[in-house]
Amino acid sequence: MYIGEEIPEDHPYYVQKKLNSGPNQWPQTIPDKEEFQKTTENYHTVYELAEDVLSVIALTLGVESTFFKPLTDESVATIRYLHYPTHPKDQDEKLNRGIGAHMDFGCVTHLLQDEVDGLQVLDVSSGQWLDASPSNKIFILKNRTNKSNIHRVINKSRRERYSIPFFFSGNPDYLRERLPNCRAPGEAAKYAPITVQDMVTSAYKASYGRAEHYKEEMEKKNMASSSITA
């Protein structure tokens, strides 16, 4: 379930179909809907934290702390509520995979986990998956020099697992391009400038496209297996 800023249907972002913008679709099965909505208002506090993180990132990049203000103004961000059910101990690992290997699409991600392990980060140099303890506090800056980490979730604990990631995408119309001081003198930018809207939309299409392709391949294999059995 995704929850974002509550905006009306006549808001420009909703009319123009900007990322995950629009009136929230609140589940009707929640026992105390008003209390749940009130708790979710903490979204705005985490939103402000993301702005502070970007200010610090700007300073580490050698620019003013306000450099990313055009990115944070009128930003789009969403909270997602995730539940990973328990699985039998002898179940195939692939079926335990709550979320497959991926990199986040947005600008900054904050993650609240419970005490149950499951999050793993890929050590690219060794090819090994490392368990990320729920107590870890990790901030990721993404460009070709400082890449986003590849991660996944596999619930092998035989316990229910819950987590709440906060995805801060930024202003959909902000033009993302590589900073001059993030490349060597004379080095051309490896990526053309792109808006947040186009970048995130493209990433979603690529990710879900791979999932659909995998689903189609599995269906073909199942059909072939059924034909042989018949």
Protein backbone atom coordinates (compact mmCIF):
# COMPACT_ATOMS: atom_id res chain seq x y z
CA MET A 1 0.00 0.00 0.00
CA TYR A 2 1.29 3.46 -0.98
CA ILE A 3 0.38 6.63 0.91
CA GLY A 4 1.38 10.11 -0.24
CA GLU A 5 0.42 13.70 0.32
CA GLU A 6 -3.35 14.09 0.25
CA ILE A 7 -4.14 16.28 -2.76
CA PRO A 8 -7.49 16.98 -4.48
CA GLU A 9 -8.43 15.74 -7.92
CA ASP A 10 -8.14 19.25 -9.39
CA HIS A 11 -4.48 19.57 -8.29
CA PRO A 12 -2.14 20.07 -11.30
CA TYR A 13 -0.05 17.03 -10.31
CA TYR A 14 -3.10 14.77 -10.36
CA VAL A 15 -4.49 16.26 -13.56
CA GLN A 16 -1.10 15.87 -15.29
CA LYS A 17 -0.57 12.38 -13.82
CA LYS A 18 2.65 13.29 -12.02
CA LEU A 19 4.16 10.18 -10.42
CA ASN A 20 2.14 8.86 -7.44
CA SER A 21 0.02 11.98 -6.98
CA GLY A 22 -3.64 12.16 -6.11
CA PRO A 23 -6.19 11.47 -3.38
CA ASN A 24 -5.10 8.54 -1.22
CA GLN A 25 -7.08 5.31 -1.56
CA TRP A 26 -7.64 4.41 2.07
CA PRO A 27 -8.40 0.71 2.77
CA GLN A 28 -11.98 0.22 3.90
CA THR A 29 -11.06 -2.73 6.12
CA ILE A 30 -9.00 -0.71 8.63
CA PRO A 31 -10.72 -0.92 12.06
CA ASP A 32 -9.98 2.71 13.00
CA LYS A 33 -9.51 4.61 9.75
CA GLU A 34 -9.27 8.05 11.38
CA GLU A 35 -6.55 6.93 13.78
CA PHE A 36 -4.63 5.33 10.92
CA GLN A 37 -4.84 8.52 8.87
CA LYS A 38 -3.69 10.57 11.86
CA THR A 39 -0.64 8.33 12.34
CA THR A 40 0.21 8.58 8.66
CA GLU A 41 0.42 12.36 9.00
CA ASN A 42 3.92 11.73 10.41
CA TYR A 43 4.72 11.49 6.69
CA HIS A 44 5.39 15.24 6.77
CA THR A 45 8.06 14.87 9.46
CA VAL A 46 9.92 12.26 7.40
CA TYR A 47 9.50 14.51 4.36
CA GLU A 48 11.36 17.29 6.20
CA LEU A 49 14.08 14.81 7.18
CA ALA A 50 14.61 13.98 3.50
CA GLU A 51 15.05 17.69 2.77
CA ASP A 52 17.66 17.92 5.55
CA VAL A 53 19.51 14.87 4.18
CA LEU A 54 19.69 16.48 0.74
CA SER A 55 21.11 19.64 2.30
CA VAL A 56 23.90 17.59 3.87
CA ILE A 57 24.50 15.71 0.60
CA ALA A 58 24.83 19.05 -1.21
CA LEU A 59 27.56 20.15 1.20
CA THR A 60 29.46 16.88 0.74
CA LEU A 61 29.37 17.52 -3.02
CA GLY A 62 30.98 20.91 -2.59
CA VAL A 63 27.91 23.03 -3.37
CA GLU A 64 25.66 25.22 -1.22
CA SER A 65 23.30 23.47 1.19
CA THR A 66 20.39 25.04 -0.70
CA PHE A 67 21.53 23.64 -4.06
CA PHE A 68 18.76 21.02 -4.17
CA LYS A 69 15.97 23.39 -3.12
CA PRO A 70 14.45 23.36 -6.64
CA LEU A 71 14.35 19.56 -6.29
CA THR A 72 12.70 19.58 -2.87
CA ASP A 73 10.15 22.31 -3.63
CA GLU A 74 6.76 20.83 -4.53
CA SER A 75 8.19 17.33 -4.26
CA VAL A 76 6.47 13.99 -4.58
CA ALA A 77 7.12 11.36 -1.92
CA THR A 78 5.34 8.21 -0.80
CA ILE A 79 5.27 5.88 2.17
CA ARG A 80 4.78 2.18 1.52
CA TYR A 81 3.53 -0.33 4.10
CA LEU A 82 5.04 -3.77 3.54
CA HIS A 83 4.22 -7.13 5.11
CA TYR A 84 6.33 -10.25 4.57
CA PRO A 85 4.47 -13.38 5.72
CA THR A 86 6.15 -16.42 7.20
CA HIS A 87 7.20 -19.35 5.00
CA PRO A 88 7.84 -23.04 5.70
CA LYS A 89 11.46 -23.73 6.61
CA ASP A 90 12.02 -26.06 3.66
CA GLN A 91 10.41 -23.79 1.06
CA ASP A 92 12.45 -22.84 -2.03
CA GLU A 93 14.45 -19.65 -1.39
CA LYS A 94 12.98 -18.00 -4.50
CA LEU A 95 9.53 -18.30 -2.97
CA ASN A 96 10.76 -16.64 0.23
CA ARG A 97 11.80 -13.57 -1.70
CA GLY A 98 9.50 -10.79 -0.56
CA ILE A 99 11.18 -8.31 -2.90
CA GLY A 100 13.66 -9.30 -5.59
CA ALA A 101 17.01 -7.63 -6.21
CA HIS A 102 16.63 -3.99 -7.26
CA MET A 103 17.83 -0.43 -6.81
CA ASP A 104 15.48 2.31 -5.62
CA PHE A 105 14.28 4.72 -8.29
CA GLY A 106 13.97 7.94 -6.32
CA CYS A 107 16.33 10.40 -4.73
CA VAL A 108 16.35 9.47 -1.03
CA THR A 109 14.91 6.44 0.77
CA HIS A 110 14.31 6.23 4.53
CA LEU A 111 13.52 2.78 5.89
CA LEU A 112 11.84 1.83 9.15
CA GLN A 113 12.15 -1.89 9.94
CA ASP A 114 10.96 -4.04 12.79
CA GLU A 115 13.38 -6.35 14.63
CA VAL A 116 13.01 -9.18 12.09
CA ASP A 117 15.91 -9.61 9.67
CA GLY A 118 15.37 -10.00 5.95
CA LEU A 119 16.96 -7.05 4.16
CA GLN A 120 20.12 -7.96 2.24
CA VAL A 121 22.58 -5.75 0.35
CA LEU A 122 24.74 -7.00 -2.52
CA ASP A 123 28.51 -6.69 -2.16
CA VAL A 124 29.23 -6.23 -5.86
CA SER A 125 32.95 -6.94 -5.56
CA SER A 126 32.41 -10.41 -4.05
CA GLY A 127 28.94 -11.16 -5.37
CA GLN A 128 27.82 -12.02 -1.84
CA TRP A 129 24.56 -10.96 -0.23
CA LEU A 130 25.11 -9.32 3.17
CA ASP A 131 22.44 -9.20 5.86
CA ALA A 132 21.54 -5.62 6.82
CA SER A 133 20.64 -5.48 10.49
CA PRO A 134 17.50 -3.46 11.32
CA SER A 135 19.70 -1.24 13.49
CA ASN A 136 21.80 -0.13 10.53
CA LYS A 137 21.44 3.51 9.45
CA ILE A 138 22.45 3.83 5.81
CA PHE A 139 22.30 6.84 3.53
CA ILE A 140 22.79 6.36 -0.21
CA LEU A 141 23.81 8.93 -2.82
CA LYS A 142 23.23 7.80 -6.38
CA ASN A 143 25.25 8.72 -9.47
CA ARG A 144 27.88 6.88 -11.49
CA THR A 145 30.52 7.60 -8.83
CA ASN A 146 28.32 6.88 -5.80
CA LYS A 147 25.91 4.19 -6.91
CA SER A 148 22.70 3.10 -5.28
CA ASN A 149 23.05 -0.27 -3.60
CA ILE A 150 21.37 -3.36 -5.01
CA HIS A 151 19.21 -4.90 -2.30
CA ARG A 152 16.45 -7.44 -1.75
CA VAL A 153 14.31 -8.91 1.02
CA ILE A 154 14.21 -12.62 1.86
CA ASN A 155 12.23 -13.55 4.94
CA LYS A 156 13.84 -16.73 6.29
CA SER A 157 13.06 -15.94 9.92
CA ARG A 158 9.80 -17.94 10.07
CA ARG A 159 8.30 -14.79 11.62
CA GLU A 160 6.05 -12.07 10.27
CA ARG A 161 8.11 -9.11 9.03
CA TYR A 162 7.01 -5.50 8.56
CA SER A 163 8.79 -2.48 7.15
CA ILE A 164 7.88 1.06 6.10
CA PRO A 165 10.05 2.64 3.40
CA PHE A 166 9.70 6.32 2.56
CA PHE A 167 10.54 7.16 -1.06
CA PHE A 168 11.43 10.79 -1.79
CA SER A 169 11.38 11.37 -5.56
CA GLY A 170 11.52 15.16 -5.68
CA ASN A 171 9.86 17.73 -7.90
CA PRO A 172 8.67 15.85 -11.01
CA ASP A 173 9.73 18.73 -13.28
CA TYR A 174 13.24 19.07 -11.80
CA LEU A 175 15.93 18.46 -14.42
CA ARG A 176 18.47 15.96 -13.12
CA GLU A 177 21.97 16.21 -14.55
CA ARG A 178 25.45 15.36 -13.38
CA LEU A 179 27.25 18.05 -11.42
CA PRO A 180 30.43 19.44 -12.98
CA ASN A 181 32.41 18.64 -9.81
CA CYS A 182 31.28 14.99 -9.97
CA ARG A 183 33.39 14.31 -13.05
CA ALA A 184 37.02 14.84 -14.02
CA PRO A 185 38.02 18.05 -15.85
CA GLY A 186 37.09 17.73 -19.51
CA GLU A 187 35.07 14.57 -18.93
CA ALA A 188 31.73 14.60 -20.71
CA ALA A 189 28.57 13.74 -18.83
CA LYS A 190 27.73 10.06 -19.31
CA TYR A 191 23.99 10.65 -19.06
CA ALA A 192 21.79 13.23 -20.76
CA PRO A 193 19.75 15.52 -18.48
CA ILE A 194 16.35 14.06 -17.58
CA THR A 195 13.41 15.19 -15.48
CA VAL A 196 12.51 13.37 -12.29
CA GLN A 197 9.16 12.47 -13.86
CA ASP A 198 10.73 10.83 -16.92
CA MET A 199 13.49 9.09 -14.95
CA VAL A 200 11.22 7.50 -12.35
CA THR A 201 8.58 6.57 -14.93
CA SER A 202 11.21 4.93 -17.11
CA ALA A 203 12.60 3.00 -14.13
CA TYR A 204 9.13 1.73 -13.19
CA LYS A 205 8.46 0.57 -16.75
CA ALA A 206 11.80 -1.25 -16.92
CA SER A 207 11.31 -2.92 -13.54
CA TYR A 208 7.74 -4.08 -14.07
CA GLY A 209 8.55 -4.96 -17.67
CA ARG A 210 11.14 -7.45 -16.43
CA ALA A 211 8.59 -8.87 -13.99
CA GLU A 212 6.03 -9.33 -16.76
CA HIS A 213 8.64 -10.96 -18.99
CA TYR A 214 9.55 -13.39 -16.18
CA LYS A 215 5.86 -14.15 -15.62
CA GLU A 216 5.35 -14.88 -19.33
CA GLU A 217 8.40 -17.17 -19.42
CA MET A 218 7.14 -19.10 -16.39
CA GLU A 219 3.71 -19.51 -18.00
CA LYS A 220 5.34 -20.85 -21.18
CA LYS A 221 7.37 -23.36 -19.16
CA ASN A 222 4.28 -24.48 -17.25
CA MET A 223 2.34 -24.93 -20.48
CA ALA A 224 5.20 -26.92 -22.02
CA SER A 225 5.42 -29.09 -18.91
CA SER A 226 1.66 -29.70 -18.96
CA SER A 227 1.82 -30.71 -22.63
CA ILE A 228 4.56 -33.25 -21.94
CA THR A 229 2.64 -34.69 -18.99
CA ALA A 230 -0.53 -34.96 -21.04
